[in-house]
Amino acid sequence: MKLIVPELGRVTSLFVADEIRPLSAVPMDSYFRAIAERYNFTSLPAQPDPEQPGPAVFQGGYFSSAVNTWPIVRLQIYNDALQVDSIQTDYALAILNDVLEFSKKEFHYREPISKPFLLFESNVVVEFGGAIHSAVRIFEEVQSATSKAMSDVYEQRIQMEFNALALASDPLSLPPPFSGLLRSDFSIIRRVNRPFSENRYFCCAGLPTEIHLKLLEQFEVLAVMAPELEQP
């Protein structure tokens, strides 16, 4: 399997607002300016509207440490959550942790009493080493039948191919705060506007990027390598 590009690494930290809020008032315009300066954002978010509460959204920045520079696609600051979008979840988590430490040190936000919940989301584009339709044995019969039906109806040779695979958990079975917030699907979808022969797929999961890639590598072994080994 070849990683073409990591498109999104998102980490969200959920906490109890009352536990982290500073005990004295924080001028939000000063806080936003400090965040924009530290993470190299070019513009400030709009001031929160008390009548329509929502996040403060920063876009298009980066964070440099002594050894690394991490891109920040988007940073969203809620009363009870922080969300960081980068290109890998390990980058996003490092940035999120720095935002928390900076906020505590410079603006007296507090360490939460309750353990924060972390949610992950990973989107990557990969190329598998071969066709993966053989991963689902019954698919070959369905593929043949649908190809024949389409070809007969339109009087053209139309060859149907594997296009997508998706797994998901029942969101109604998840306890708070995961219900409604956790991205629980695992999907593998052909990359649009690319020839099928490339075996290139857009893949999503509610997991850290590293774990996501390892699962895709395991899938490739089962879907591509194992069927080839079984052939006489």
Protein backbone atom coordinates (compact mmCIF):
# COMPACT_ATOMS: atom_id res chain seq x y z
CA MET A 1 0.00 0.00 0.00
CA LYS A 2 1.21 3.46 -0.89
CA LEU A 3 0.13 6.54 1.04
CA ILE A 4 -0.63 9.23 -1.55
CA VAL A 5 -1.59 12.03 0.86
CA PRO A 6 -2.91 12.42 4.41
CA GLU A 7 -5.82 14.83 3.89
CA LEU A 8 -7.13 15.38 7.40
CA GLY A 9 -6.08 14.62 10.93
CA ARG A 10 -8.64 15.98 13.38
CA VAL A 11 -8.57 15.81 17.17
CA THR A 12 -11.35 17.10 19.40
CA SER A 13 -11.02 17.42 23.17
CA LEU A 14 -14.26 17.63 25.17
CA PHE A 15 -14.26 18.90 28.73
CA VAL A 16 -16.51 20.45 31.39
CA ALA A 17 -16.57 24.20 30.80
CA ASP A 18 -16.92 25.09 34.49
CA GLU A 19 -13.75 23.16 35.33
CA ILE A 20 -11.38 24.93 32.93
CA ARG A 21 -12.79 28.45 32.84
CA PRO A 22 -10.51 31.02 34.53
CA LEU A 23 -11.70 32.26 37.91
CA SER A 24 -11.31 35.85 36.72
CA ALA A 25 -12.59 37.37 33.48
CA VAL A 26 -10.47 36.98 30.34
CA PRO A 27 -10.67 39.70 27.65
CA MET A 28 -11.46 37.55 24.63
CA ASP A 29 -10.06 40.02 22.11
CA SER A 30 -6.66 39.80 23.85
CA TYR A 31 -6.90 36.02 24.03
CA PHE A 32 -7.77 35.74 20.34
CA ARG A 33 -4.90 38.03 19.34
CA ALA A 34 -2.46 35.97 21.39
CA ILE A 35 -3.70 32.73 19.79
CA ALA A 36 -3.45 34.24 16.30
CA GLU A 37 0.10 35.44 16.97
CA ARG A 38 1.35 32.21 18.51
CA TYR A 39 -0.06 29.99 15.75
CA ASN A 40 0.54 32.38 12.84
CA PHE A 41 -3.06 32.93 11.80
CA THR A 42 -3.53 35.84 9.45
CA SER A 43 -6.95 36.92 10.73
CA LEU A 44 -8.99 36.92 13.93
CA PRO A 45 -12.36 35.20 14.35
CA ALA A 46 -15.51 37.22 14.89
CA GLN A 47 -16.38 37.96 18.50
CA PRO A 48 -18.76 35.32 19.93
CA ASP A 49 -22.44 36.26 19.84
CA PRO A 50 -24.08 35.63 23.25
CA GLU A 51 -27.42 35.13 21.49
CA GLN A 52 -26.00 32.55 19.06
CA PRO A 53 -23.15 30.74 20.80
CA GLY A 54 -20.63 29.01 18.58
CA PRO A 55 -16.91 28.41 18.26
CA ALA A 56 -14.17 30.91 17.58
CA VAL A 57 -12.70 29.69 14.29
CA PHE A 58 -9.09 30.28 13.20
CA GLN A 59 -7.91 29.05 9.80
CA GLY A 60 -4.66 28.69 7.88
CA GLY A 61 -1.90 28.81 10.50
CA TYR A 62 1.03 26.76 11.66
CA PHE A 63 2.91 26.00 14.84
CA SER A 64 6.70 25.70 15.06
CA SER A 65 8.47 23.95 17.92
CA ALA A 66 12.20 23.50 18.39
CA VAL A 67 12.18 20.47 16.07
CA ASN A 68 9.00 20.55 13.96
CA THR A 69 6.56 22.79 12.10
CA TRP A 70 2.97 21.57 11.97
CA PRO A 71 0.30 23.01 9.66
CA ILE A 72 -3.00 24.09 11.21
CA VAL A 73 -5.86 23.85 8.75
CA ARG A 74 -8.38 25.01 11.34
CA LEU A 75 -8.60 25.62 15.08
CA GLN A 76 -12.01 25.87 16.75
CA ILE A 77 -12.36 27.03 20.34
CA TYR A 78 -15.66 26.25 22.12
CA ASN A 79 -16.66 26.87 25.72
CA ASP A 80 -16.39 23.13 26.37
CA ALA A 81 -14.13 21.84 23.60
CA LEU A 82 -11.10 22.39 21.40
CA GLN A 83 -10.86 21.03 17.88
CA VAL A 84 -7.73 21.06 15.72
CA ASP A 85 -7.53 20.09 12.05
CA SER A 86 -4.12 19.30 10.61
CA ILE A 87 -2.98 16.68 8.09
CA GLN A 88 -2.27 13.95 10.66
CA THR A 89 -3.76 13.35 14.08
CA ASP A 90 -0.39 13.28 15.85
CA TYR A 91 0.23 16.83 14.57
CA ALA A 92 -3.27 17.90 15.61
CA LEU A 93 -2.86 16.41 19.09
CA ALA A 94 0.50 18.14 19.63
CA ILE A 95 -1.05 21.47 18.60
CA LEU A 96 -4.11 20.93 20.80
CA ASN A 97 -1.95 20.17 23.82
CA ASP A 98 0.10 23.31 23.17
CA VAL A 99 -3.06 25.45 22.95
CA LEU A 100 -4.18 24.08 26.32
CA GLU A 101 -0.82 24.69 27.98
CA PHE A 102 -0.52 28.18 26.48
CA SER A 103 -4.05 29.06 27.64
CA LYS A 104 -3.29 27.88 31.18
CA LYS A 105 0.05 29.65 31.39
CA GLU A 106 -0.87 33.00 29.82
CA PHE A 107 -4.61 33.34 30.51
CA HIS A 108 -5.11 31.25 33.67
CA TYR A 109 -7.33 28.56 32.20
CA ARG A 110 -7.37 25.64 34.60
CA GLU A 111 -6.51 21.97 34.49
CA PRO A 112 -9.83 20.05 34.20
CA ILE A 113 -10.92 17.88 37.09
CA SER A 114 -12.76 15.37 34.89
CA LYS A 115 -10.74 13.49 32.29
CA PRO A 116 -11.29 15.09 28.85
CA PHE A 117 -12.66 12.92 26.06
CA LEU A 118 -10.58 12.77 22.89
CA LEU A 119 -12.18 12.13 19.50
CA PHE A 120 -10.15 11.37 16.38
CA GLU A 121 -10.81 11.59 12.65
CA SER A 122 -8.48 10.55 9.84
CA ASN A 123 -8.88 11.00 6.07
CA VAL A 124 -6.18 9.62 3.78
CA VAL A 125 -5.74 8.78 0.10
CA VAL A 126 -3.96 5.48 -0.59
CA GLU A 127 -3.19 3.15 -3.48
CA PHE A 128 -3.55 -0.58 -2.91
CA GLY A 129 -1.24 -3.03 -4.63
CA GLY A 130 -4.05 -4.63 -6.63
CA ALA A 131 -7.80 -4.94 -7.09
CA ILE A 132 -9.65 -5.46 -3.82
CA HIS A 133 -13.04 -6.75 -5.01
CA SER A 134 -12.02 -10.33 -4.20
CA ALA A 135 -12.18 -9.41 -0.50
CA VAL A 136 -15.92 -10.07 -0.74
CA ARG A 137 -16.40 -13.43 -2.45
CA ILE A 138 -20.07 -12.87 -3.21
CA PHE A 139 -19.18 -9.61 -4.93
CA GLU A 140 -17.83 -11.45 -7.99
CA GLU A 141 -21.26 -12.96 -8.69
CA VAL A 142 -23.02 -9.64 -8.08
CA GLN A 143 -20.45 -7.88 -10.27
CA SER A 144 -21.06 -10.31 -13.12
CA ALA A 145 -24.85 -10.09 -12.86
CA THR A 146 -24.97 -6.29 -12.68
CA SER A 147 -22.47 -5.90 -15.52
CA LYS A 148 -24.65 -8.14 -17.73
CA ALA A 149 -27.84 -6.28 -16.76
CA MET A 150 -26.33 -2.85 -17.49
CA SER A 151 -24.82 -4.04 -20.77
CA ASP A 152 -28.12 -5.61 -21.89
CA VAL A 153 -30.20 -2.55 -21.06
CA TYR A 154 -27.90 -0.02 -22.74
CA GLU A 155 -26.55 -2.28 -25.50
CA GLN A 156 -23.02 -1.32 -24.52
CA ARG A 157 -20.31 -3.29 -22.77
CA ILE A 158 -20.47 -1.89 -19.22
CA GLN A 159 -18.13 -3.50 -16.71
CA MET A 160 -19.12 -2.87 -13.11
CA GLU A 161 -16.29 -2.72 -10.56
CA PHE A 162 -15.84 -2.50 -6.81
CA ASN A 163 -16.43 1.10 -5.72
CA ALA A 164 -16.78 1.38 -1.94
CA LEU A 165 -16.77 -0.43 1.36
CA ALA A 166 -18.06 0.98 4.64
CA LEU A 167 -18.46 -0.19 8.22
CA ALA A 168 -20.18 1.72 11.00
CA SER A 169 -21.41 1.32 14.55
CA ASP A 170 -24.96 2.12 15.56
CA PRO A 171 -24.80 5.71 16.91
CA LEU A 172 -27.83 5.03 19.09
CA SER A 173 -25.90 2.32 20.93
CA LEU A 174 -23.13 4.70 22.04
CA PRO A 175 -23.21 6.46 25.42
CA PRO A 176 -22.71 10.22 25.85
CA PRO A 177 -20.60 12.07 24.89
CA PHE A 178 -19.80 9.76 21.97
CA SER A 179 -23.33 9.55 20.59
CA GLY A 180 -23.69 12.18 17.93
CA LEU A 181 -20.04 13.24 18.12
CA LEU A 182 -17.90 10.18 17.40
CA ARG A 183 -17.16 9.46 13.75
CA SER A 184 -17.76 5.73 13.94
CA ASP A 185 -17.59 4.81 10.25
CA PHE A 186 -14.69 3.14 8.48
CA SER A 187 -14.94 3.67 4.73
CA ILE A 188 -12.90 2.95 1.60
CA ILE A 189 -14.18 4.79 -1.49
CA ARG A 190 -12.65 5.06 -4.94
CA ARG A 191 -10.98 8.40 -5.56
CA VAL A 192 -13.07 10.42 -7.99
CA ASN A 193 -11.68 11.38 -11.39
CA ARG A 194 -8.97 8.71 -11.24
CA PRO A 195 -8.82 5.55 -13.41
CA PHE A 196 -9.96 2.40 -11.62
CA SER A 197 -6.70 0.71 -12.64
CA GLU A 198 -4.82 2.86 -10.11
CA ASN A 199 -6.68 1.24 -7.19
CA ARG A 200 -6.65 4.63 -5.49
CA TYR A 201 -9.07 5.17 -2.60
CA PHE A 202 -10.21 7.92 -0.25
CA CYS A 203 -10.37 6.38 3.22
CA CYS A 204 -11.99 7.69 6.41
CA ALA A 205 -12.02 6.51 10.01
CA GLY A 206 -12.64 7.83 13.50
CA LEU A 207 -9.12 6.83 14.51
CA PRO A 208 -5.63 8.28 14.90
CA THR A 209 -3.85 8.43 11.54
CA GLU A 210 -1.21 5.84 12.47
CA ILE A 211 -3.79 3.25 13.54
CA HIS A 212 -5.91 4.03 10.47
CA LEU A 213 -3.00 3.33 8.12
CA LYS A 214 -2.15 0.07 9.89
CA LEU A 215 -5.75 -1.13 9.48
CA LEU A 216 -5.66 -0.27 5.77
CA GLU A 217 -2.44 -2.24 5.41
CA GLN A 218 -4.11 -5.22 7.11
CA PHE A 219 -7.08 -4.84 4.77
CA GLU A 220 -4.77 -4.85 1.75
CA VAL A 221 -3.17 -8.11 2.90
CA LEU A 222 -6.59 -9.73 3.25
CA ALA A 223 -8.10 -8.23 0.10
CA VAL A 224 -5.20 -8.33 -2.35
CA MET A 225 -2.37 -10.53 -1.13
CA ALA A 226 -4.27 -13.43 0.48
CA PRO A 227 -6.50 -14.22 -2.56
CA GLU A 228 -3.40 -14.29 -4.79
CA LEU A 229 -1.71 -16.76 -2.45
CA GLU A 230 -4.77 -19.03 -2.54
CA GLN A 231 -4.71 -19.40 -6.32
CA PRO A 232 -3.30 -22.75 -7.54
